[in-house]
C-alpha atoms as a PDB file:
ATOM      1  CA  UNK A   1      -9.859  -1.340 -18.311  1.00  0.00           C
ATOM      2  CA  UNK A   2      -7.884   1.728 -19.347  1.00  0.00           C
ATOM      3  CA  UNK A   3      -5.610   4.126 -17.459  1.00  0.00           C
ATOM      4  CA  UNK A   4      -8.497   6.541 -16.710  1.00  0.00           C
ATOM      5  CA  UNK A   5     -10.493   3.753 -15.088  1.00  0.00           C
ATOM      6  CA  UNK A   6      -7.627   2.546 -12.913  1.00  0.00           C
ATOM      7  CA  UNK A   7      -6.848   6.176 -12.023  1.00  0.00           C
ATOM      8  CA  UNK A   8     -10.430   6.498 -10.764  1.00  0.00           C
ATOM      9  CA  UNK A   9     -10.082   3.262  -8.787  1.00  0.00           C
ATOM     10  CA  UNK A  10      -6.890   4.522  -7.175  1.00  0.00           C
ATOM     11  CA  UNK A  11      -8.540   7.882  -6.454  1.00  0.00           C
ATOM     12  CA  UNK A  12     -11.340   6.110  -4.608  1.00  0.00           C
ATOM     13  CA  UNK A  13      -8.830   4.101  -2.554  1.00  0.00           C
ATOM     14  CA  UNK A  14      -6.680   7.157  -1.776  1.00  0.00           C
ATOM     15  CA  UNK A  15      -9.521   9.560  -1.033  1.00  0.00           C
ATOM     16  CA  UNK A  16     -11.450   6.908   0.878  1.00  0.00           C
ATOM     17  CA  UNK A  17     -14.774   6.650  -0.956  1.00  0.00           C
ATOM     18  CA  UNK A  18     -16.264   4.038   1.397  1.00  0.00           C
ATOM     19  CA  UNK A  19     -13.695   4.167   4.168  1.00  0.00           C
ATOM     20  CA  UNK A  20     -11.141   6.461   5.735  1.00  0.00           C
ATOM     21  CA  UNK A  21      -8.412   7.712   3.417  1.00  0.00           C
ATOM     22  CA  UNK A  22      -5.209   5.687   3.898  1.00  0.00           C
ATOM     23  CA  UNK A  23      -3.238   8.724   5.101  1.00  0.00           C
ATOM     24  CA  UNK A  24      -5.746   9.196   7.922  1.00  0.00           C
ATOM     25  CA  UNK A  25      -6.183   5.484   8.607  1.00  0.00           C
ATOM     26  CA  UNK A  26      -2.465   4.887   9.189  1.00  0.00           C
ATOM     27  CA  UNK A  27      -1.838   8.098  11.106  1.00  0.00           C
ATOM     28  CA  UNK A  28      -1.172   6.852  14.618  1.00  0.00           C
ATOM     29  CA  UNK A  29       1.547   6.595  17.206  1.00  0.00           C
ATOM     30  CA  UNK A  30       4.246   4.040  16.573  1.00  0.00           C
ATOM     31  CA  UNK A  31       3.393   2.208  19.785  1.00  0.00           C
ATOM     32  CA  UNK A  32      -0.111   1.434  18.502  1.00  0.00           C
ATOM     33  CA  UNK A  33       1.030   0.670  14.961  1.00  0.00           C
ATOM     34  CA  UNK A  34       3.579  -1.871  16.192  1.00  0.00           C
ATOM     35  CA  UNK A  35       1.290  -3.546  18.729  1.00  0.00           C
ATOM     36  CA  UNK A  36       0.202  -7.034  17.682  1.00  0.00           C
ATOM     37  CA  UNK A  37      -3.302  -7.560  19.042  1.00  0.00           C
ATOM     38  CA  UNK A  38      -4.061 -10.850  20.742  1.00  0.00           C
ATOM     39  CA  UNK A  39      -5.224 -13.358  18.150  1.00  0.00           C
ATOM     40  CA  UNK A  40      -3.978 -11.296  15.207  1.00  0.00           C
ATOM     41  CA  UNK A  41      -1.223 -12.640  12.952  1.00  0.00           C
ATOM     42  CA  UNK A  42       0.586  -9.286  12.736  1.00  0.00           C
ATOM     43  CA  UNK A  43       0.581  -5.624  13.671  1.00  0.00           C
ATOM     44  CA  UNK A  44      -0.665  -2.652  11.657  1.00  0.00           C
ATOM     45  CA  UNK A  45       2.967  -1.736  10.939  1.00  0.00           C
ATOM     46  CA  UNK A  46       3.696  -5.183   9.515  1.00  0.00           C
ATOM     47  CA  UNK A  47       0.508  -5.090   7.426  1.00  0.00           C
ATOM     48  CA  UNK A  48       1.400  -1.648   6.017  1.00  0.00           C
ATOM     49  CA  UNK A  49       4.993  -2.722   5.369  1.00  0.00           C
ATOM     50  CA  UNK A  50       3.786  -5.812   3.484  1.00  0.00           C
ATOM     51  CA  UNK A  51       1.297  -3.839   1.386  1.00  0.00           C
ATOM     52  CA  UNK A  52       3.868  -1.207   0.495  1.00  0.00           C
ATOM     53  CA  UNK A  53       6.462  -3.867  -0.319  1.00  0.00           C
ATOM     54  CA  UNK A  54       4.226  -5.368  -2.999  1.00  0.00           C
ATOM     55  CA  UNK A  55       3.244  -1.917  -4.227  1.00  0.00           C
ATOM     56  CA  UNK A  56       6.961  -1.127  -4.633  1.00  0.00           C
ATOM     57  CA  UNK A  57       7.468  -4.340  -6.611  1.00  0.00           C
ATOM     58  CA  UNK A  58       4.609  -3.453  -8.979  1.00  0.00           C
ATOM     59  CA  UNK A  59       5.790   0.161  -9.252  1.00  0.00           C
ATOM     60  CA  UNK A  60       9.296  -1.041 -10.139  1.00  0.00           C
ATOM     61  CA  UNK A  61       7.850  -3.101 -12.993  1.00  0.00           C
ATOM     62  CA  UNK A  62       5.750  -0.160 -14.177  1.00  0.00           C
ATOM     63  CA  UNK A  63       8.602   2.358 -14.057  1.00  0.00           C
ATOM     64  CA  UNK A  64      11.445   0.058 -15.115  1.00  0.00           C
ATOM     65  CA  UNK A  65      13.271   0.612 -11.818  1.00  0.00           C
ATOM     66  CA  UNK A  66      15.208  -1.973  -9.859  1.00  0.00           C
ATOM     67  CA  UNK A  67      13.045  -4.190  -7.651  1.00  0.00           C
ATOM     68  CA  UNK A  68      13.427  -3.716  -3.876  1.00  0.00           C
ATOM     69  CA  UNK A  69      14.792  -7.227  -3.109  1.00  0.00           C
ATOM     70  CA  UNK A  70      16.197 -10.312  -4.787  1.00  0.00           C
ATOM     71  CA  UNK A  71      14.250 -12.821  -2.683  1.00  0.00           C
ATOM     72  CA  UNK A  72      10.749 -11.395  -2.473  1.00  0.00           C
ATOM     73  CA  UNK A  73       9.440 -14.191  -0.276  1.00  0.00           C
ATOM     74  CA  UNK A  74      12.133 -13.662   2.362  1.00  0.00           C
ATOM     75  CA  UNK A  75      11.352  -9.922   2.462  1.00  0.00           C
ATOM     76  CA  UNK A  76       7.565 -10.131   2.311  1.00  0.00           C
ATOM     77  CA  UNK A  77       6.450  -9.794   5.951  1.00  0.00           C
ATOM     78  CA  UNK A  78       8.816  -7.485   7.830  1.00  0.00           C
ATOM     79  CA  UNK A  79       8.155  -6.400  11.409  1.00  0.00           C
ATOM     80  CA  UNK A  80       8.972  -2.680  11.596  1.00  0.00           C
ATOM     81  CA  UNK A  81      10.151  -1.300  14.912  1.00  0.00           C
ATOM     82  CA  UNK A  82       8.542   1.736  16.507  1.00  0.00           C
ATOM     83  CA  UNK A  83      11.490   3.774  15.220  1.00  0.00           C
ATOM     84  CA  UNK A  84      10.746   2.588  11.658  1.00  0.00           C
ATOM     85  CA  UNK A  85       7.000   3.246  11.751  1.00  0.00           C
ATOM     86  CA  UNK A  86       6.996   6.830  10.505  1.00  0.00           C
ATOM     87  CA  UNK A  87       9.227   5.950   7.540  1.00  0.00           C
ATOM     88  CA  UNK A  88       7.095   2.872   6.771  1.00  0.00           C
ATOM     89  CA  UNK A  89       3.872   4.883   6.936  1.00  0.00           C
ATOM     90  CA  UNK A  90       5.211   7.772   4.838  1.00  0.00           C
ATOM     91  CA  UNK A  91       6.673   5.459   2.179  1.00  0.00           C
ATOM     92  CA  UNK A  92       3.360   3.568   1.915  1.00  0.00           C
ATOM     93  CA  UNK A  93       1.412   6.798   1.323  1.00  0.00           C
ATOM     94  CA  UNK A  94       4.031   8.205  -1.084  1.00  0.00           C
ATOM     95  CA  UNK A  95       4.054   5.044  -3.197  1.00  0.00           C
ATOM     96  CA  UNK A  96       0.287   4.902  -3.314  1.00  0.00           C
ATOM     97  CA  UNK A  97       0.240   8.533  -4.483  1.00  0.00           C
ATOM     98  CA  UNK A  98       2.937   7.702  -7.027  1.00  0.00           C
ATOM     99  CA  UNK A  99       0.795   4.900  -8.485  1.00  0.00           C
ATOM    100  CA  UNK A 100      -2.110   7.331  -8.824  1.00  0.00           C
ATOM    101  CA  UNK A 101       0.105   9.904 -10.551  1.00  0.00           C
ATOM    102  CA  UNK A 102       1.226   7.290 -13.075  1.00  0.00           C
ATOM    103  CA  UNK A 103      -2.340   6.138 -13.675  1.00  0.00           C
ATOM    104  CA  UNK A 104      -3.604   9.646 -14.385  1.00  0.00           C
ATOM    105  CA  UNK A 105      -0.570  10.755 -16.428  1.00  0.00           C
ATOM    106  CA  UNK A 106      -1.302  12.078 -19.889  1.00  0.00           C
ATOM    107  CA  UNK A 107       0.113  10.728 -22.002  1.00  0.00           C
ATOM    108  CA  UNK A 108       0.055   7.479 -20.050  1.00  0.00           C
ATOM    109  CA  UNK A 109       3.727   6.855 -19.327  1.00  0.00           C
ATOM    110  CA  UNK A 110       5.308   3.598 -18.158  1.00  0.00           C
ATOM    111  CA  UNK A 111       8.070   1.115 -19.014  1.00  0.00           C
ATOM    112  CA  UNK A 112       5.964  -2.021 -19.469  1.00  0.00           C
ATOM    113  CA  UNK A 113       5.404  -3.853 -22.756  1.00  0.00           C
ATOM    114  CA  UNK A 114       1.884  -2.500 -23.166  1.00  0.00           C
ATOM    115  CA  UNK A 115      -0.622  -0.096 -21.661  1.00  0.00           C
ATOM    116  CA  UNK A 116      -2.736  -3.117 -20.762  1.00  0.00           C
ATOM    117  CA  UNK A 117       0.093  -4.627 -18.687  1.00  0.00           C
ATOM    118  CA  UNK A 118       0.695  -1.314 -16.921  1.00  0.00           C
ATOM    119  CA  UNK A 119      -3.006  -0.905 -16.154  1.00  0.00           C
ATOM    120  CA  UNK A 120      -3.154  -4.456 -14.756  1.00  0.00           C
ATOM    121  CA  UNK A 121      -0.208  -3.729 -12.445  1.00  0.00           C
ATOM    122  CA  UNK A 122      -1.792  -0.467 -11.270  1.00  0.00           C
ATOM    123  CA  UNK A 123      -5.030  -2.318 -10.678  1.00  0.00           C
ATOM    124  CA  UNK A 124      -3.135  -4.867  -8.559  1.00  0.00           C
ATOM    125  CA  UNK A 125      -1.881  -1.963  -6.445  1.00  0.00           C
ATOM    126  CA  UNK A 126      -5.415  -0.607  -5.992  1.00  0.00           C
ATOM    127  CA  UNK A 127      -7.022  -3.949  -5.133  1.00  0.00           C
ATOM    128  CA  UNK A 128      -4.193  -5.170  -2.894  1.00  0.00           C
ATOM    129  CA  UNK A 129      -4.103  -1.856  -1.034  1.00  0.00           C
ATOM    130  CA  UNK A 130      -7.879  -1.781  -0.508  1.00  0.00           C
ATOM    131  CA  UNK A 131      -7.726  -5.322   0.865  1.00  0.00           C
ATOM    132  CA  UNK A 132      -5.014  -4.461   3.379  1.00  0.00           C
ATOM    133  CA  UNK A 133      -6.662  -1.173   4.377  1.00  0.00           C
ATOM    134  CA  UNK A 134      -9.657  -3.218   5.499  1.00  0.00           C
ATOM    135  CA  UNK A 135      -7.317  -5.305   7.607  1.00  0.00           C
ATOM    136  CA  UNK A 136      -5.733  -2.166   9.059  1.00  0.00           C
ATOM    137  CA  UNK A 137      -9.167  -0.924  10.123  1.00  0.00           C
ATOM    138  CA  UNK A 138      -9.921  -4.217  11.868  1.00  0.00           C
ATOM    139  CA  UNK A 139      -6.504  -4.237  13.534  1.00  0.00           C
ATOM    140  CA  UNK A 140      -7.083  -0.659  14.756  1.00  0.00           C
ATOM    141  CA  UNK A 141     -10.341  -1.771  16.375  1.00  0.00           C
ATOM    142  CA  UNK A 142      -8.555  -4.711  17.978  1.00  0.00           C
ATOM    143  CA  UNK A 143      -5.792  -2.452  19.325  1.00  0.00           C
ATOM    144  CA  UNK A 144      -8.380  -0.061  20.782  1.00  0.00           C
ATOM    145  CA  UNK A 145     -10.380  -2.823  22.480  1.00  0.00           C
ATOM    146  CA  UNK A 146      -7.207  -4.396  23.857  1.00  0.00           C
ATOM    147  CA  UNK A 147      -6.427  -1.281  25.956  1.00  0.00           C
END
């Protein structure tokens, strides 16, 4: 896989080839985003926070920036408050867009040891995000039916 291929994968995730684009999927009131449906292990807000957390870790490796936390396992599943939802949502979308910008940069620019390593990290972002977007869609359905 090369940077053009992973850029296309990220484009499909961001533009929503087979599902709603992430920006539209996570656009909702904080009350709904923070609601944990009965039988679900977490809320939409927690799911988005978790996905963005890992995306930030991978982006930090790609860009050579400082990682967000020293103990990644202690920080992994945060429970954002309603007041934190908009920031959580916006950061998730911004970081996803940032990954896409890196993937489609010409020349391909990163701080990893090789282009192959950078492409693998960008691919992790695409796959991990797509996985959690599917969960967000299911959680949205659960929140709606729980009304």
